């Protein structure tokens, strides 16, 4: 992720799959049409694992209070 002034830009795609289902299309065949913020992903998962991994990757940007809402 990058920041341009006060706006976040260039976020990464994270493919989320339910391990119980095998019928979810792969990025190889389907273009993603929706997005979720890290905050929404944490709520869905019931933990902060994905946002913690993203924060490690994004480094200093993760300190900003708006980071998880992008």
C-alpha atoms as a PDB file:
ATOM      1  CA  UNK A   1       0.000   0.000   0.000  1.00  0.00           C
ATOM      2  CA  UNK A   2       1.122   3.549  -0.648  1.00  0.00           C
ATOM      3  CA  UNK A   3       0.013   6.929   0.607  1.00  0.00           C
ATOM      4  CA  UNK A   4      -0.335  10.036  -1.559  1.00  0.00           C
ATOM      5  CA  UNK A   5      -0.867  13.060   0.692  1.00  0.00           C
ATOM      6  CA  UNK A   6      -3.685  12.050   3.033  1.00  0.00           C
ATOM      7  CA  UNK A   7      -5.084   9.301   0.765  1.00  0.00           C
ATOM      8  CA  UNK A   8      -4.155   5.646   0.621  1.00  0.00           C
ATOM      9  CA  UNK A   9      -3.611   4.290  -2.877  1.00  0.00           C
ATOM     10  CA  UNK A  10      -2.472   1.067  -4.508  1.00  0.00           C
ATOM     11  CA  UNK A  11      -3.910  -1.458  -2.049  1.00  0.00           C
ATOM     12  CA  UNK A  12      -3.252  -5.161  -2.546  1.00  0.00           C
ATOM     13  CA  UNK A  13      -5.722  -7.865  -3.398  1.00  0.00           C
ATOM     14  CA  UNK A  14      -6.230 -10.547  -0.791  1.00  0.00           C
ATOM     15  CA  UNK A  15      -8.143 -13.621  -1.866  1.00  0.00           C
ATOM     16  CA  UNK A  16     -10.348 -14.930   0.930  1.00  0.00           C
ATOM     17  CA  UNK A  17     -11.723 -18.450   0.752  1.00  0.00           C
ATOM     18  CA  UNK A  18     -13.915 -20.431   3.087  1.00  0.00           C
ATOM     19  CA  UNK A  19     -12.018 -23.638   3.786  1.00  0.00           C
ATOM     20  CA  UNK A  20     -15.339 -25.513   4.004  1.00  0.00           C
ATOM     21  CA  UNK A  21     -16.352 -24.764   0.412  1.00  0.00           C
ATOM     22  CA  UNK A  22     -14.699 -25.852  -2.781  1.00  0.00           C
ATOM     23  CA  UNK A  23     -16.799 -23.931  -5.277  1.00  0.00           C
ATOM     24  CA  UNK A  24     -15.264 -20.478  -4.851  1.00  0.00           C
ATOM     25  CA  UNK A  25     -13.777 -19.125  -8.084  1.00  0.00           C
ATOM     26  CA  UNK A  26     -10.060 -18.469  -8.194  1.00  0.00           C
ATOM     27  CA  UNK A  27      -8.523 -15.120  -9.190  1.00  0.00           C
ATOM     28  CA  UNK A  28      -7.122 -17.007 -12.164  1.00  0.00           C
ATOM     29  CA  UNK A  29     -10.581 -17.191 -13.723  1.00  0.00           C
ATOM     30  CA  UNK A  30     -12.608 -14.404 -12.094  1.00  0.00           C
ATOM     31  CA  UNK A  31     -11.853 -10.701 -11.757  1.00  0.00           C
ATOM     32  CA  UNK A  32     -12.689  -9.487  -8.231  1.00  0.00           C
ATOM     33  CA  UNK A  33     -15.659  -7.106  -8.199  1.00  0.00           C
ATOM     34  CA  UNK A  34     -15.880  -6.185  -4.512  1.00  0.00           C
ATOM     35  CA  UNK A  35     -13.521  -5.072  -1.794  1.00  0.00           C
ATOM     36  CA  UNK A  36     -13.401  -5.066   1.999  1.00  0.00           C
ATOM     37  CA  UNK A  37     -11.309  -3.010   4.361  1.00  0.00           C
ATOM     38  CA  UNK A  38      -8.977  -4.706   6.807  1.00  0.00           C
ATOM     39  CA  UNK A  39     -11.405  -3.643   9.532  1.00  0.00           C
ATOM     40  CA  UNK A  40     -14.246  -5.560   7.814  1.00  0.00           C
ATOM     41  CA  UNK A  41     -12.039  -8.614   7.276  1.00  0.00           C
ATOM     42  CA  UNK A  42     -11.145  -8.651  10.989  1.00  0.00           C
ATOM     43  CA  UNK A  43     -14.844  -8.579  11.921  1.00  0.00           C
ATOM     44  CA  UNK A  44     -15.682 -11.404   9.500  1.00  0.00           C
ATOM     45  CA  UNK A  45     -12.771 -13.554  10.688  1.00  0.00           C
ATOM     46  CA  UNK A  46     -13.278 -12.763  14.365  1.00  0.00           C
ATOM     47  CA  UNK A  47      -9.568 -12.030  14.761  1.00  0.00           C
ATOM     48  CA  UNK A  48      -6.831  -9.677  13.575  1.00  0.00           C
ATOM     49  CA  UNK A  49      -4.579 -12.153  11.780  1.00  0.00           C
ATOM     50  CA  UNK A  50      -4.974 -10.708   8.255  1.00  0.00           C
ATOM     51  CA  UNK A  51      -4.601  -7.077   9.377  1.00  0.00           C
ATOM     52  CA  UNK A  52      -1.519  -7.956  11.455  1.00  0.00           C
ATOM     53  CA  UNK A  53       0.115  -9.595   8.440  1.00  0.00           C
ATOM     54  CA  UNK A  54      -0.788  -6.602   6.247  1.00  0.00           C
ATOM     55  CA  UNK A  55       0.591  -4.205   8.886  1.00  0.00           C
ATOM     56  CA  UNK A  56       3.926  -6.023   8.898  1.00  0.00           C
ATOM     57  CA  UNK A  57       4.080  -5.743   5.105  1.00  0.00           C
ATOM     58  CA  UNK A  58       3.034  -2.074   5.029  1.00  0.00           C
ATOM     59  CA  UNK A  59       5.308  -1.001   7.898  1.00  0.00           C
ATOM     60  CA  UNK A  60       5.001   2.648   8.960  1.00  0.00           C
ATOM     61  CA  UNK A  61       1.727   3.173   7.048  1.00  0.00           C
ATOM     62  CA  UNK A  62      -0.056   0.823   9.457  1.00  0.00           C
ATOM     63  CA  UNK A  63       0.337   3.323  12.312  1.00  0.00           C
ATOM     64  CA  UNK A  64      -2.166   5.728  10.724  1.00  0.00           C
ATOM     65  CA  UNK A  65      -5.639   5.463  12.301  1.00  0.00           C
ATOM     66  CA  UNK A  66      -7.297   5.259   8.847  1.00  0.00           C
ATOM     67  CA  UNK A  67      -5.123   2.340   7.713  1.00  0.00           C
ATOM     68  CA  UNK A  68      -7.544  -0.465   8.657  1.00  0.00           C
ATOM     69  CA  UNK A  69     -10.511   1.409   7.123  1.00  0.00           C
ATOM     70  CA  UNK A  70      -8.981   1.686   3.611  1.00  0.00           C
END
